[in-house]
Structure formats: C-alpha cells, structure tokens
Amino acid sequence: MKRSEVNALISKAKDFYQHHHFSLPKWGFWGPENWKGKGDSEVVRNLLGWDLTDYGKGDFDSLGLILFTIRNGNLATGDAKPYAEKIMILREGQVCPMHFHWSKREDIINRAGGNLVIKLYGSDENEALSDTPLDVSVDGFVRTIEAGSEVILTPGESICLEPGMYHAFYCETGTGDVMVGEVSAVNDDNLDNRFHEPLPRFPQIEEDEEPVHLLVTDYEKYV
C-alpha cells in the first residue's frame, strides 16, 4: 500500500468515527513529531493506535480492514492488563478473511452503521474447517448453527467468538458501512492469527509521502 493511500484512508476513518459520535483518544490525532520521546509509553509498547491492512493482496476495497486499538495488554512484557479493545471500520464490499485465534476470545460488536455478517466454522485437529455444527453466543444467548452459516448483527448486537472458531466478516449488501467494536483478551496480531488461506497481517508500505499519523507498525522507525 502507498503511504498516500494510508493517509487518505485514515482521514476518511476520522470523519466516519466523528459522524457516528465515537471519540478517539487525543493521541490518535498526533503527527509523527508528537511521538518523539514517547517510546516508553503503554501506547507504543502495546501497539495501540492506527492499524490497517490489505492482507498483502493490494485490493483494500475488496479485502481489507481499518482498525484503531484503544487499549491492550502485552504478554511479552508482562503487562498485567488482561484485555483489549478495538474500534474498526468495515466498508461495504470489503471482507475480513476467514481466520481464527489460538488464544484470544473476543466479542465482536456492531457499534453503528449497516448490518454486519459473520460467517462461522469450527476447526478440527488439523486446523482445517470443520463441518460440525457449533454453539455460538449472540448477545448472551447461545444458539446452535450449521458450519458455514452466517450470523447477521444489526447495530447494537454482538457475538462471542471462541478460540479456534473460524470467522470472516463483511457488510450486508445494501445496508452500508459498519463501525465494528472488539472487546477481547490481550491481542497479539503477530502470533495469534491463523488465516485459513495464509495471508500477512500487516501491509508493506510504499513511502510516496510523509505519514500524517503513525501506524502501529511505524513506531519502531519513528519513535
């Protein structure tokens, strides 16, 4: 992805969050110069802040996601905070691809916008898609669904995804973009993502202009 594309996507994301009355932390609006000397902060250590990906495919409009991590612990440094929170934007026509987490249990919440579709499978002992029905909790009520079924979340609804539960999500056609919340155990995107089709979690950035805001993958270079 080009840095100019990243800058434009973050600018649109800020407008989207504002439209839906979701306020980001003040440091979410900092430029690179504001981060100097902040390397010992929880934000930098635990990779909070802006994050987006095209999963290495170069087609963000079809396969991509923009995220902002608000809080997180850090298993590597012994940070005792046992939880994480993200706010994400999924555009209509985009897909977050099929994957599961070995360790992380998470609630995915439709915070605002259109309807969010979650496609679900269990996984077998070889980490392949399972054809066995699975139990899933939607807003605290457990339902049994067939493998490959879709659960549609309208604004305000949520689903609990257990470790080992394959999931992909996308917007229901015609309902618009979705602001997606995530509340989970500690998040480690370097070690705890198992994509059904092997994909890189973070994009390669072509620096065709200066960053307006840093991505979490920029901290090592700029901070």
C-alpha atoms as a PDB file:
ATOM      1  CA  MET A   1       0.000   0.000   0.000  1.00  0.00           C
ATOM      2  CA  LYS A   2       1.179   3.540  -0.708  1.00  0.00           C
ATOM      3  CA  ARG A   3       1.518   5.927   2.229  1.00  0.00           C
ATOM      4  CA  SER A   4      -0.714   8.372   0.355  1.00  0.00           C
ATOM      5  CA  GLU A   5      -3.451   5.724   0.330  1.00  0.00           C
ATOM      6  CA  VAL A   6      -2.958   5.081   4.048  1.00  0.00           C
ATOM      7  CA  ASN A   7      -3.189   8.814   4.804  1.00  0.00           C
ATOM      8  CA  ALA A   8      -6.394   9.152   2.775  1.00  0.00           C
ATOM      9  CA  LEU A   9      -7.995   6.116   4.433  1.00  0.00           C
ATOM     10  CA  ILE A  10      -7.203   7.398   7.927  1.00  0.00           C
ATOM     11  CA  SER A  11      -8.654  10.804   7.029  1.00  0.00           C
ATOM     12  CA  LYS A  12     -11.905   9.140   5.924  1.00  0.00           C
ATOM     13  CA  ALA A  13     -11.876   6.973   9.052  1.00  0.00           C
ATOM     14  CA  LYS A  14     -11.667  10.012  11.319  1.00  0.00           C
ATOM     15  CA  ASP A  15     -14.696  11.503   9.544  1.00  0.00           C
ATOM     16  CA  PHE A  16     -16.588   8.204   9.909  1.00  0.00           C
ATOM     17  CA  TYR A  17     -15.902   7.969  13.642  1.00  0.00           C
ATOM     18  CA  GLN A  18     -16.924  11.602  14.113  1.00  0.00           C
ATOM     19  CA  HIS A  19     -20.131  11.049  12.119  1.00  0.00           C
ATOM     20  CA  HIS A  20     -21.056   8.216  14.460  1.00  0.00           C
ATOM     21  CA  HIS A  21     -20.074  10.218  17.575  1.00  0.00           C
ATOM     22  CA  PHE A  22     -17.186   7.938  18.525  1.00  0.00           C
ATOM     23  CA  SER A  23     -14.316   9.890  20.071  1.00  0.00           C
ATOM     24  CA  LEU A  24     -10.722   8.675  19.746  1.00  0.00           C
ATOM     25  CA  PRO A  25      -8.004   9.424  22.310  1.00  0.00           C
ATOM     26  CA  LYS A  26      -6.193  12.729  21.741  1.00  0.00           C
ATOM     27  CA  TRP A  27      -3.010  10.918  20.700  1.00  0.00           C
ATOM     28  CA  GLY A  28      -4.977   9.372  17.830  1.00  0.00           C
ATOM     29  CA  PHE A  29      -4.638  12.752  16.112  1.00  0.00           C
ATOM     30  CA  TRP A  30      -0.907  13.219  16.730  1.00  0.00           C
ATOM     31  CA  GLY A  31       1.551  13.597  13.882  1.00  0.00           C
ATOM     32  CA  PRO A  32       4.970  11.880  13.799  1.00  0.00           C
ATOM     33  CA  GLU A  33       6.676  14.801  15.558  1.00  0.00           C
ATOM     34  CA  ASN A  34       4.423  14.406  18.618  1.00  0.00           C
ATOM     35  CA  TRP A  35       5.667  10.864  19.213  1.00  0.00           C
ATOM     36  CA  LYS A  36       9.302  11.760  19.809  1.00  0.00           C
ATOM     37  CA  GLY A  37      10.316  10.704  23.334  1.00  0.00           C
ATOM     38  CA  LYS A  38       7.121   8.665  23.835  1.00  0.00           C
ATOM     39  CA  GLY A  39       8.720   5.241  23.271  1.00  0.00           C
ATOM     40  CA  ASP A  40       8.288   4.163  26.886  1.00  0.00           C
ATOM     41  CA  SER A  41       4.536   4.736  26.813  1.00  0.00           C
ATOM     42  CA  GLU A  42       1.943   1.984  27.048  1.00  0.00           C
ATOM     43  CA  VAL A  43       0.662   3.136  23.664  1.00  0.00           C
ATOM     44  CA  VAL A  44       3.930   2.309  21.919  1.00  0.00           C
ATOM     45  CA  ARG A  45       4.833  -0.799  23.963  1.00  0.00           C
ATOM     46  CA  ASN A  46       1.438  -2.403  23.429  1.00  0.00           C
ATOM     47  CA  LEU A  47       0.897  -1.201  19.840  1.00  0.00           C
ATOM     48  CA  LEU A  48      -2.140   0.961  20.413  1.00  0.00           C
ATOM     49  CA  GLY A  49      -3.381   3.273  17.688  1.00  0.00           C
ATOM     50  CA  TRP A  50      -3.917   3.224  13.939  1.00  0.00           C
ATOM     51  CA  ASP A  51      -3.667  -0.048  12.049  1.00  0.00           C
ATOM     52  CA  LEU A  52      -4.890  -1.079   8.625  1.00  0.00           C
ATOM     53  CA  THR A  53      -4.283  -3.950   6.257  1.00  0.00           C
ATOM     54  CA  ASP A  54      -4.934  -5.203   2.754  1.00  0.00           C
ATOM     55  CA  TYR A  55      -3.648  -8.655   3.776  1.00  0.00           C
ATOM     56  CA  GLY A  56      -0.929  -8.362   1.150  1.00  0.00           C
ATOM     57  CA  LYS A  57      -3.356  -8.565  -1.781  1.00  0.00           C
ATOM     58  CA  GLY A  58      -3.222  -4.926  -2.876  1.00  0.00           C
ATOM     59  CA  ASP A  59      -7.009  -4.591  -3.132  1.00  0.00           C
ATOM     60  CA  PHE A  60      -8.072  -2.808   0.052  1.00  0.00           C
ATOM     61  CA  ASP A  61     -11.589  -2.074  -1.228  1.00  0.00           C
ATOM     62  CA  SER A  62     -12.316  -5.809  -1.501  1.00  0.00           C
ATOM     63  CA  LEU A  63     -10.059  -7.383   1.131  1.00  0.00           C
ATOM     64  CA  GLY A  64      -9.121  -5.044   3.940  1.00  0.00           C
ATOM     65  CA  LEU A  65      -9.854  -3.516   7.310  1.00  0.00           C
ATOM     66  CA  ILE A  66      -9.011  -0.331   9.179  1.00  0.00           C
ATOM     67  CA  LEU A  67      -8.600  -0.552  12.941  1.00  0.00           C
ATOM     68  CA  PHE A  68      -7.762   1.589  15.947  1.00  0.00           C
ATOM     69  CA  THR A  69      -6.566  -0.241  19.067  1.00  0.00           C
ATOM     70  CA  ILE A  70      -7.681   1.731  22.105  1.00  0.00           C
ATOM     71  CA  ARG A  71      -6.283  -0.472  24.882  1.00  0.00           C
ATOM     72  CA  ASN A  72      -4.308  -3.696  25.123  1.00  0.00           C
ATOM     73  CA  GLY A  73      -2.080  -5.709  27.426  1.00  0.00           C
ATOM     74  CA  ASN A  74       1.267  -7.189  26.435  1.00  0.00           C
ATOM     75  CA  LEU A  75       2.118 -10.794  27.226  1.00  0.00           C
ATOM     76  CA  ALA A  76       5.761 -10.386  26.155  1.00  0.00           C
ATOM     77  CA  THR A  77       6.486  -7.574  28.624  1.00  0.00           C
ATOM     78  CA  GLY A  78       4.320  -8.887  31.435  1.00  0.00           C
ATOM     79  CA  ASP A  79       1.815  -6.034  31.260  1.00  0.00           C
ATOM     80  CA  ALA A  80      -0.897  -7.191  33.653  1.00  0.00           C
ATOM     81  CA  LYS A  81      -3.801  -5.683  31.692  1.00  0.00           C
ATOM     82  CA  PRO A  82      -5.733  -8.827  30.608  1.00  0.00           C
ATOM     83  CA  TYR A  83      -7.984  -7.237  27.994  1.00  0.00           C
ATOM     84  CA  ALA A  84      -8.018  -5.295  24.740  1.00  0.00           C
ATOM     85  CA  GLU A  85     -10.410  -3.046  22.848  1.00  0.00           C
ATOM     86  CA  LYS A  86     -10.511  -2.043  19.189  1.00  0.00           C
ATOM     87  CA  ILE A  87     -12.765   0.064  17.021  1.00  0.00           C
ATOM     88  CA  MET A  88     -12.811  -0.891  13.335  1.00  0.00           C
ATOM     89  CA  ILE A  89     -14.388   0.225  10.080  1.00  0.00           C
ATOM     90  CA  LEU A  90     -15.594  -2.286   7.516  1.00  0.00           C
ATOM     91  CA  ARG A  91     -16.676  -0.813   4.191  1.00  0.00           C
ATOM     92  CA  GLU A  92     -19.490  -2.320   2.181  1.00  0.00           C
ATOM     93  CA  GLY A  93     -17.879  -4.662  -0.357  1.00  0.00           C
ATOM     94  CA  GLN A  94     -14.888  -5.398   1.897  1.00  0.00           C
ATOM     95  CA  VAL A  95     -14.166  -8.747   3.518  1.00  0.00           C
ATOM     96  CA  CYS A  96     -12.144  -9.514   6.632  1.00  0.00           C
ATOM     97  CA  PRO A  97     -10.920 -13.004   5.607  1.00  0.00           C
ATOM     98  CA  MET A  98     -11.537 -16.335   7.311  1.00  0.00           C
ATOM     99  CA  HIS A  99      -9.316 -16.795  10.357  1.00  0.00           C
ATOM    100  CA  PHE A 100      -9.249 -17.859  13.988  1.00  0.00           C
ATOM    101  CA  HIS A 101      -7.178 -17.114  17.084  1.00  0.00           C
ATOM    102  CA  TRP A 102      -5.401 -19.782  19.092  1.00  0.00           C
ATOM    103  CA  SER A 103      -5.651 -17.841  22.373  1.00  0.00           C
ATOM    104  CA  LYS A 104      -7.917 -14.830  22.068  1.00  0.00           C
ATOM    105  CA  ARG A 105     -11.604 -14.914  22.969  1.00  0.00           C
ATOM    106  CA  GLU A 106     -13.381 -11.841  21.607  1.00  0.00           C
ATOM    107  CA  ASP A 107     -16.718 -10.116  21.425  1.00  0.00           C
ATOM    108  CA  ILE A 108     -17.403  -8.540  18.027  1.00  0.00           C
ATOM    109  CA  ILE A 109     -19.950  -5.730  18.294  1.00  0.00           C
ATOM    110  CA  ASN A 110     -21.867  -3.840  15.634  1.00  0.00           C
ATOM    111  CA  ARG A 111     -21.475  -0.331  17.061  1.00  0.00           C
ATOM    112  CA  ALA A 112     -23.184   1.631  14.269  1.00  0.00           C
ATOM    113  CA  GLY A 113     -23.933   1.788  10.567  1.00  0.00           C
ATOM    114  CA  GLY A 114     -25.178  -1.106   8.462  1.00  0.00           C
ATOM    115  CA  ASN A 115     -25.564  -4.789   9.279  1.00  0.00           C
ATOM    116  CA  LEU A 116     -22.525  -6.952   9.974  1.00  0.00           C
ATOM    117  CA  VAL A 117     -22.415 -10.516   8.623  1.00  0.00           C
ATOM    118  CA  ILE A 118     -20.266 -13.096  10.441  1.00  0.00           C
ATOM    119  CA  LYS A 119     -19.597 -16.390   8.623  1.00  0.00           C
ATOM    120  CA  LEU A 120     -18.565 -19.181  11.002  1.00  0.00           C
ATOM    121  CA  TYR A 121     -16.906 -22.578  11.069  1.00  0.00           C
ATOM    122  CA  GLY A 122     -15.341 -24.628  13.799  1.00  0.00           C
ATOM    123  CA  SER A 123     -11.836 -26.004  13.303  1.00  0.00           C
ATOM    124  CA  ASP A 124     -10.656 -29.601  13.509  1.00  0.00           C
ATOM    125  CA  GLU A 125      -7.468 -31.097  14.997  1.00  0.00           C
ATOM    126  CA  ASN A 126      -5.586 -30.191  11.790  1.00  0.00           C
ATOM    127  CA  GLU A 127      -6.816 -26.568  11.905  1.00  0.00           C
ATOM    128  CA  ALA A 128      -8.986 -27.169   8.833  1.00  0.00           C
ATOM    129  CA  LEU A 129     -12.591 -26.005   8.532  1.00  0.00           C
ATOM    130  CA  SER A 130     -14.891 -28.341  10.435  1.00  0.00           C
ATOM    131  CA  ASP A 131     -18.330 -29.383   9.151  1.00  0.00           C
ATOM    132  CA  THR A 132     -19.587 -29.937  12.707  1.00  0.00           C
ATOM    133  CA  PRO A 133     -22.354 -27.622  13.987  1.00  0.00           C
ATOM    134  CA  LEU A 134     -21.180 -25.126  16.584  1.00  0.00           C
ATOM    135  CA  ASP A 135     -22.631 -23.279  19.540  1.00  0.00           C
ATOM    136  CA  VAL A 136     -22.224 -19.517  19.488  1.00  0.00           C
ATOM    137  CA  SER A 137     -23.348 -16.833  21.922  1.00  0.00           C
ATOM    138  CA  VAL A 138     -25.138 -13.833  20.404  1.00  0.00           C
ATOM    139  CA  ASP A 139     -25.805 -11.093  22.961  1.00  0.00           C
ATOM    140  CA  GLY A 140     -25.605 -13.690  25.726  1.00  0.00           C
ATOM    141  CA  PHE A 141     -27.982 -16.217  24.177  1.00  0.00           C
ATOM    142  CA  VAL A 142     -26.458 -19.430  22.823  1.00  0.00           C
ATOM    143  CA  ARG A 143     -27.648 -20.748  19.502  1.00  0.00           C
ATOM    144  CA  THR A 144     -26.525 -23.811  17.545  1.00  0.00           C
ATOM    145  CA  ILE A 145     -25.708 -23.160  13.891  1.00  0.00           C
ATOM    146  CA  GLU A 146     -24.519 -25.261  10.965  1.00  0.00           C
ATOM    147  CA  ALA A 147     -20.921 -24.950   9.783  1.00  0.00           C
ATOM    148  CA  GLY A 148     -20.606 -22.150   7.235  1.00  0.00           C
ATOM    149  CA  SER A 149     -23.715 -20.361   8.468  1.00  0.00           C
ATOM    150  CA  GLU A 150     -23.961 -16.582   8.625  1.00  0.00           C
ATOM    151  CA  VAL A 151     -24.990 -14.614  11.700  1.00  0.00           C
ATOM    152  CA  ILE A 152     -26.224 -11.092  10.942  1.00  0.00           C
ATOM    153  CA  LEU A 153     -25.645  -8.442  13.610  1.00  0.00           C
ATOM    154  CA  THR A 154     -27.687  -5.248  13.467  1.00  0.00           C
ATOM    155  CA  PRO A 155     -26.371  -2.126  15.257  1.00  0.00           C
ATOM    156  CA  GLY A 156     -26.051  -2.835  18.974  1.00  0.00           C
ATOM    157  CA  GLU A 157     -25.805  -6.616  18.608  1.00  0.00           C
ATOM    158  CA  SER A 158     -22.694  -8.666  19.395  1.00  0.00           C
ATOM    159  CA  ILE A 159     -21.257 -12.150  19.115  1.00  0.00           C
ATOM    160  CA  CYS A 160     -18.700 -14.004  21.240  1.00  0.00           C
ATOM    161  CA  LEU A 161     -16.032 -15.818  19.207  1.00  0.00           C
ATOM    162  CA  GLU A 162     -14.147 -18.561  20.998  1.00  0.00           C
ATOM    163  CA  PRO A 163     -10.509 -19.566  20.317  1.00  0.00           C
ATOM    164  CA  GLY A 164     -10.341 -21.925  17.345  1.00  0.00           C
ATOM    165  CA  MET A 165     -13.593 -20.633  15.842  1.00  0.00           C
ATOM    166  CA  TYR A 166     -13.058 -19.627  12.208  1.00  0.00           C
ATOM    167  CA  HIS A 167     -14.766 -16.387  11.254  1.00  0.00           C
ATOM    168  CA  ALA A 168     -14.937 -13.998   8.327  1.00  0.00           C
ATOM    169  CA  PHE A 169     -16.996 -10.836   8.326  1.00  0.00           C
ATOM    170  CA  TYR A 170     -18.414  -8.365   5.846  1.00  0.00           C
ATOM    171  CA  CYS A 171     -21.281  -5.892   5.495  1.00  0.00           C
ATOM    172  CA  GLU A 172     -24.727  -6.998   4.453  1.00  0.00           C
ATOM    173  CA  THR A 173     -25.196  -5.706   0.905  1.00  0.00           C
ATOM    174  CA  GLY A 174     -27.201  -2.503   0.708  1.00  0.00           C
ATOM    175  CA  THR A 175     -27.034  -1.629   4.423  1.00  0.00           C
ATOM    176  CA  GLY A 176     -23.882   0.497   4.362  1.00  0.00           C
ATOM    177  CA  ASP A 177     -20.511   0.604   6.119  1.00  0.00           C
ATOM    178  CA  VAL A 178     -20.225  -0.704   9.680  1.00  0.00           C
ATOM    179  CA  MET A 179     -18.375   0.568  12.734  1.00  0.00           C
ATOM    180  CA  VAL A 180     -17.224  -2.643  14.414  1.00  0.00           C
ATOM    181  CA  GLY A 181     -16.154  -2.878  18.040  1.00  0.00           C
ATOM    182  CA  GLU A 182     -13.990  -5.579  19.546  1.00  0.00           C
ATOM    183  CA  VAL A 183     -13.556  -6.358  23.237  1.00  0.00           C
ATOM    184  CA  SER A 184     -11.233  -9.274  23.887  1.00  0.00           C
ATOM    185  CA  ALA A 185      -8.460 -10.909  25.819  1.00  0.00           C
ATOM    186  CA  VAL A 186      -4.991  -9.498  25.153  1.00  0.00           C
ATOM    187  CA  ASN A 187      -4.476  -9.118  21.416  1.00  0.00           C
ATOM    188  CA  ASP A 188      -1.267 -10.241  19.681  1.00  0.00           C
ATOM    189  CA  ASP A 189      -1.556  -9.792  15.931  1.00  0.00           C
ATOM    190  CA  ASN A 190       1.967 -11.059  15.369  1.00  0.00           C
ATOM    191  CA  LEU A 191       1.430 -14.507  16.920  1.00  0.00           C
ATOM    192  CA  ASP A 192      -2.287 -15.222  17.339  1.00  0.00           C
ATOM    193  CA  ASN A 193      -3.843 -15.112  13.859  1.00  0.00           C
ATOM    194  CA  ARG A 194      -4.431 -18.322  11.908  1.00  0.00           C
ATOM    195  CA  PHE A 195      -5.717 -17.402   8.435  1.00  0.00           C
ATOM    196  CA  HIS A 196      -7.402 -20.222   6.532  1.00  0.00           C
ATOM    197  CA  GLU A 197      -5.606 -19.012   3.415  1.00  0.00           C
ATOM    198  CA  PRO A 198      -2.117 -17.948   4.577  1.00  0.00           C
ATOM    199  CA  LEU A 199      -2.032 -14.135   4.489  1.00  0.00           C
ATOM    200  CA  PRO A 200       0.203 -11.460   6.000  1.00  0.00           C
ATOM    201  CA  ARG A 201      -1.489  -9.498   8.770  1.00  0.00           C
ATOM    202  CA  PHE A 202       0.344  -6.212   8.122  1.00  0.00           C
ATOM    203  CA  PRO A 203       0.899  -4.464   4.763  1.00  0.00           C
ATOM    204  CA  GLN A 204       4.119  -3.355   3.150  1.00  0.00           C
ATOM    205  CA  ILE A 205       4.102   0.463   2.908  1.00  0.00           C
ATOM    206  CA  GLU A 206       5.498   2.317  -0.099  1.00  0.00           C
ATOM    207  CA  GLU A 207       6.630   5.708   1.202  1.00  0.00           C
ATOM    208  CA  ASP A 208       5.426   8.059  -1.534  1.00  0.00           C
ATOM    209  CA  GLU A 209       4.697  10.829   1.005  1.00  0.00           C
ATOM    210  CA  GLU A 210       5.155  11.540   4.710  1.00  0.00           C
ATOM    211  CA  PRO A 211       2.749   9.928   7.205  1.00  0.00           C
ATOM    212  CA  VAL A 212       0.074  12.182   8.666  1.00  0.00           C
ATOM    213  CA  HIS A 213      -0.499   9.745  11.549  1.00  0.00           C
ATOM    214  CA  LEU A 214       1.664   6.801  12.517  1.00  0.00           C
ATOM    215  CA  LEU A 215       0.519   3.211  12.165  1.00  0.00           C
ATOM    216  CA  VAL A 216       1.365   0.792  14.960  1.00  0.00           C
ATOM    217  CA  THR A 217       3.945  -0.698  12.589  1.00  0.00           C
ATOM    218  CA  ASP A 218       5.624   2.738  12.295  1.00  0.00           C
ATOM    219  CA  TYR A 219       6.520   3.141  15.977  1.00  0.00           C
ATOM    220  CA  GLU A 220       9.836   1.306  15.760  1.00  0.00           C
ATOM    221  CA  LYS A 221      11.007   3.580  12.940  1.00  0.00           C
ATOM    222  CA  TYR A 222       9.669   6.955  14.078  1.00  0.00           C
ATOM    223  CA  VAL A 223       9.590   6.736  17.902  1.00  0.00           C
END
